[in-house]
Protein backbone atom coordinates (compact mmCIF):
# COMPACT_ATOMS: atom_id res chain seq x y z
CA MET A 1 -40.04 10.39 -77.80
CA THR A 2 -39.45 11.76 -74.29
CA ASP A 3 -39.64 10.17 -70.83
CA ASP A 4 -41.19 11.58 -67.65
CA ASP A 5 -38.16 13.85 -67.13
CA GLY A 6 -38.47 15.37 -70.58
CA ILE A 7 -35.37 13.60 -71.90
CA THR A 8 -35.53 12.29 -75.46
CA ASP A 9 -34.38 8.80 -76.42
CA ALA A 10 -31.44 10.29 -78.32
CA GLU A 11 -30.37 12.38 -75.31
CA ARG A 12 -30.70 9.39 -73.00
CA LYS A 13 -28.56 7.29 -75.34
CA MET A 14 -25.89 10.02 -75.48
CA GLN A 15 -25.85 10.23 -71.67
CA PHE A 16 -25.59 6.44 -71.47
CA LEU A 17 -22.61 6.28 -73.85
CA TYR A 18 -20.92 9.24 -72.15
CA ALA A 19 -21.20 7.43 -68.80
CA LEU A 20 -19.55 4.35 -70.31
CA ARG A 21 -16.67 6.38 -71.76
CA SER A 22 -16.15 8.15 -68.44
CA LYS A 23 -15.70 4.73 -66.77
CA GLY A 24 -12.96 3.71 -69.20
CA VAL A 25 -14.87 2.00 -72.01
CA THR A 26 -13.01 3.20 -75.09
CA GLU A 27 -13.38 0.52 -77.80
CA THR A 28 -15.72 1.62 -80.59
CA ARG A 29 -17.04 -1.91 -81.27
CA ILE A 30 -18.13 -2.28 -77.66
CA LEU A 31 -19.72 1.16 -77.49
CA ASN A 32 -21.60 0.36 -80.71
CA ALA A 33 -22.83 -2.95 -79.26
CA MET A 34 -23.94 -1.23 -76.06
CA GLU A 35 -25.79 1.34 -78.16
CA GLN A 36 -27.52 -1.34 -80.24
CA ILE A 37 -28.73 -3.46 -77.30
CA ASP A 38 -31.36 -1.65 -75.24
CA ARG A 39 -31.09 -2.60 -71.56
CA GLY A 40 -34.78 -1.86 -71.01
CA PRO A 41 -36.26 -5.22 -72.14
CA PHE A 42 -33.98 -7.09 -69.73
CA ILE A 43 -35.45 -5.44 -66.62
CA ARG A 44 -39.03 -5.94 -65.50
CA GLY A 45 -41.25 -4.75 -62.66
CA LEU A 46 -40.46 -2.02 -60.16
CA PHE A 47 -36.97 -1.32 -61.44
CA ALA A 48 -37.79 -1.01 -65.15
CA ALA A 49 -37.70 2.79 -64.95
CA ARG A 50 -34.06 2.65 -63.79
CA ALA A 51 -32.85 0.52 -66.69
CA TYR A 52 -30.74 3.34 -68.14
CA GLU A 53 -28.88 4.18 -64.94
CA ASP A 54 -25.36 2.85 -64.46
CA MET A 55 -26.22 0.64 -61.52
CA PRO A 56 -26.87 -3.06 -60.81
CA LEU A 57 -30.53 -3.98 -60.38
CA PRO A 58 -32.33 -7.02 -58.95
CA ILE A 59 -33.92 -9.54 -61.30
CA ALA A 60 -35.79 -12.81 -60.71
CA CYS A 61 -34.41 -15.80 -58.77
CA GLY A 62 -32.45 -13.60 -56.35
CA GLN A 63 -29.99 -12.55 -59.07
CA THR A 64 -28.90 -9.17 -60.41
CA ILE A 65 -28.25 -7.49 -63.74
CA SER A 66 -24.81 -5.88 -63.63
CA GLN A 67 -24.37 -2.17 -64.15
CA PRO A 68 -23.72 -1.34 -67.81
CA SER A 69 -20.21 0.00 -67.20
CA VAL A 70 -19.17 -3.32 -65.60
CA VAL A 71 -20.72 -5.27 -68.50
CA ALA A 72 -18.81 -3.08 -70.95
CA LEU A 73 -15.50 -3.27 -69.06
CA MET A 74 -15.73 -7.07 -68.75
CA THR A 75 -16.51 -7.29 -72.45
CA GLN A 76 -13.58 -5.01 -73.26
CA ALA A 77 -11.24 -7.16 -71.14
CA LEU A 78 -12.44 -10.27 -73.00
CA ASP A 79 -11.16 -8.84 -76.32
CA VAL A 80 -13.81 -10.61 -78.42
CA SER A 81 -13.30 -10.94 -82.16
CA ALA A 82 -15.87 -11.64 -84.85
CA ARG A 83 -14.64 -15.24 -85.26
CA ASP A 84 -14.80 -16.15 -81.55
CA LYS A 85 -16.93 -18.79 -79.89
CA VAL A 86 -17.75 -17.51 -76.41
CA LEU A 87 -19.06 -19.21 -73.28
CA GLU A 88 -20.91 -17.15 -70.68
CA VAL A 89 -21.47 -18.74 -67.28
CA GLY A 90 -24.45 -17.06 -65.62
CA THR A 91 -27.06 -15.96 -68.15
CA GLY A 92 -29.00 -13.88 -65.64
CA SER A 93 -31.14 -11.38 -67.52
CA GLY A 94 -29.43 -12.18 -70.83
CA TYR A 95 -28.05 -8.65 -71.23
CA GLN A 96 -24.37 -9.62 -71.26
CA ALA A 97 -24.97 -12.42 -73.78
CA ALA A 98 -26.87 -10.00 -76.02
CA ILE A 99 -23.93 -7.60 -76.01
CA LEU A 100 -21.53 -10.46 -76.81
CA SER A 101 -23.76 -11.59 -79.67
CA LYS A 102 -22.96 -8.36 -81.50
CA LEU A 103 -19.22 -9.02 -81.23
CA ALA A 104 -18.71 -12.80 -81.49
CA ARG A 105 -19.49 -15.51 -84.03
CA ARG A 106 -21.32 -17.69 -81.50
CA VAL A 107 -22.35 -17.26 -77.85
CA TYR A 108 -23.25 -20.12 -75.52
CA THR A 109 -24.75 -19.01 -72.21
CA ILE A 110 -25.64 -21.28 -69.31
CA ASP A 111 -27.56 -20.67 -66.08
CA ARG A 112 -28.77 -22.85 -63.21
CA HIS A 113 -32.17 -21.13 -63.13
CA ARG A 114 -34.64 -22.40 -65.74
CA ARG A 115 -36.85 -19.31 -65.43
CA LEU A 116 -34.00 -16.95 -66.26
CA VAL A 117 -32.94 -19.00 -69.28
CA HIS A 118 -36.50 -19.15 -70.63
CA GLU A 119 -37.02 -15.40 -70.17
CA ALA A 120 -33.67 -14.62 -71.79
CA ARG A 121 -34.46 -16.87 -74.77
CA HIS A 122 -37.70 -14.96 -75.28
CA ILE A 123 -35.85 -11.63 -75.36
CA PHE A 124 -33.19 -13.00 -77.72
CA ASP A 125 -35.97 -14.13 -80.08
CA GLU A 126 -37.70 -10.75 -79.90
CA LEU A 127 -34.42 -8.97 -80.69
CA GLY A 128 -33.56 -11.36 -83.52
CA LEU A 129 -30.31 -12.51 -81.89
CA THR A 130 -29.88 -15.85 -83.64
CA ASN A 131 -26.26 -16.61 -82.67
CA ILE A 132 -26.99 -17.22 -78.95
CA THR A 133 -27.68 -20.66 -77.47
CA ALA A 134 -29.08 -20.45 -73.92
CA ILE A 135 -28.90 -23.60 -71.80
CA VAL A 136 -30.18 -24.63 -68.36
CA GLY A 137 -27.35 -26.30 -66.48
CA ASP A 138 -24.60 -26.14 -63.88
CA GLY A 139 -22.26 -23.54 -65.29
CA SER A 140 -19.48 -24.32 -62.83
CA PHE A 141 -18.69 -27.33 -65.04
CA GLY A 142 -18.85 -25.30 -68.23
CA LEU A 143 -20.11 -26.84 -71.45
CA PRO A 144 -17.65 -29.61 -72.37
CA GLU A 145 -19.66 -30.79 -75.38
CA GLN A 146 -19.04 -27.41 -77.09
CA ALA A 147 -15.46 -26.88 -75.88
CA PRO A 148 -12.96 -25.53 -76.53
CA PHE A 149 -13.92 -21.85 -76.38
CA ASP A 150 -11.99 -18.82 -77.57
CA LYS A 151 -13.30 -16.72 -74.70
CA ILE A 152 -15.10 -17.47 -71.41
CA ILE A 153 -16.85 -14.90 -69.21
CA VAL A 154 -18.18 -15.71 -65.74
CA THR A 155 -20.79 -13.40 -64.22
CA ALA A 156 -20.74 -14.90 -60.73
CA ALA A 157 -17.90 -14.93 -58.21
CA ALA A 158 -15.78 -18.03 -57.62
CA GLU A 159 -13.16 -18.49 -54.90
CA ASP A 160 -10.67 -19.33 -57.66
CA PRO A 161 -10.93 -19.46 -61.46
CA PRO A 162 -12.81 -22.75 -61.95
CA GLY A 163 -10.62 -25.59 -63.20
CA PRO A 164 -13.26 -27.13 -65.51
CA LEU A 165 -13.67 -23.77 -67.25
CA LEU A 166 -9.93 -23.24 -67.66
CA ALA A 167 -9.72 -26.71 -69.20
CA GLN A 168 -12.33 -25.68 -71.80
CA LEU A 169 -10.43 -22.53 -72.82
CA LYS A 170 -8.32 -22.67 -75.98
CA VAL A 171 -4.61 -21.95 -75.83
CA GLY A 172 -4.45 -18.27 -76.66
CA GLY A 173 -7.90 -17.74 -75.13
CA ILE A 174 -9.05 -15.36 -72.39
CA MET A 175 -11.33 -15.87 -69.39
CA VAL A 176 -12.72 -12.98 -67.35
CA VAL A 177 -14.02 -13.98 -63.90
CA PRO A 178 -14.74 -12.28 -60.55
CA VAL A 179 -12.78 -14.02 -57.80
CA GLY A 180 -13.24 -13.77 -54.04
CA GLN A 181 -15.44 -14.64 -51.10
CA SER A 182 -19.14 -14.02 -51.67
CA ASP A 183 -19.49 -11.73 -48.63
CA ALA A 184 -16.46 -9.58 -49.43
CA VAL A 185 -15.28 -7.33 -52.22
CA GLN A 186 -14.06 -9.42 -55.12
CA SER A 187 -11.46 -8.85 -57.81
CA LEU A 188 -12.16 -9.07 -61.51
CA ILE A 189 -9.46 -11.29 -62.98
CA ARG A 190 -8.40 -11.77 -66.60
CA VAL A 191 -6.76 -15.13 -67.30
CA ARG A 192 -4.81 -15.68 -70.52
CA LYS A 193 -4.08 -19.28 -71.44
CA THR A 194 -0.69 -19.71 -73.09
CA ALA A 195 1.27 -22.73 -74.26
CA ASN A 196 3.35 -22.36 -71.09
CA GLY A 197 0.51 -21.96 -68.58
CA LEU A 198 -1.80 -19.24 -67.28
CA ASP A 199 -1.19 -15.50 -66.97
CA TYR A 200 -3.35 -13.51 -64.53
CA ASP A 201 -4.22 -9.80 -64.48
CA GLU A 202 -6.25 -8.15 -61.73
CA LEU A 203 -8.49 -5.54 -63.34
CA ARG A 204 -10.65 -3.93 -60.65
CA LYS A 205 -12.74 -4.52 -57.53
CA VAL A 206 -16.28 -5.77 -58.14
CA ARG A 207 -19.17 -7.42 -56.35
CA PHE A 208 -21.09 -10.33 -57.87
CA VAL A 209 -23.44 -13.02 -56.63
CA PRO A 210 -21.58 -16.28 -55.84
CA LEU A 211 -21.03 -19.03 -58.37
CA LEU A 212 -23.01 -22.00 -57.07
CA GLU A 213 -22.98 -25.62 -58.14
CA GLY A 214 -26.15 -27.51 -59.02
CA LEU A 215 -29.43 -26.30 -60.49
CA GLY A 216 -31.76 -23.69 -59.03
CA LYS A 217 -34.94 -24.69 -57.21
CA ASP A 218 -36.99 -23.67 -60.24
CA SER A 219 -35.10 -26.13 -62.44
């Protein structure tokens, strides 16, 4: 099957994976997950035709779907294993959770916008992703009833790594979170929780929507 530019699905997939490798995504498990999860179903409307470009795109509720290379690099930094229970704060389109579902034992994803959670659940069902639980709620407080988590990923920017989320991270666990002011360039931070405290690594500059408390207007 070819698109309007005469590119076949196989060629498009090869270009997509090449773009990821060129941005520093090297782990085979992550590349395989990115190959298995088609970004197309997670983008609707005017921007659907650009689903396979390595760029962020707007989605409903004033949110965005991150560019695939950022999704892959955040996933790589999280170092997910097949036994992990993962919390994602900020479901958005559901694309990041879908990628994680191919790598982890269980994924819990939470978003303040009811519409986004319902749409993501529908896509998860269509794709047969049965190890994801999507929840409407205030992600800044995490999901204490399911804690502790092996890994936590935050897809919205906080001024500092949120204390309630750090408290829900297992010793030995990793959290990946963008940190910085919402109107400035942010830094992607990896936090490792050890028996002696927290170790921080700054990974790269990023730009994400801000992490907000409370539920969205549609909720």
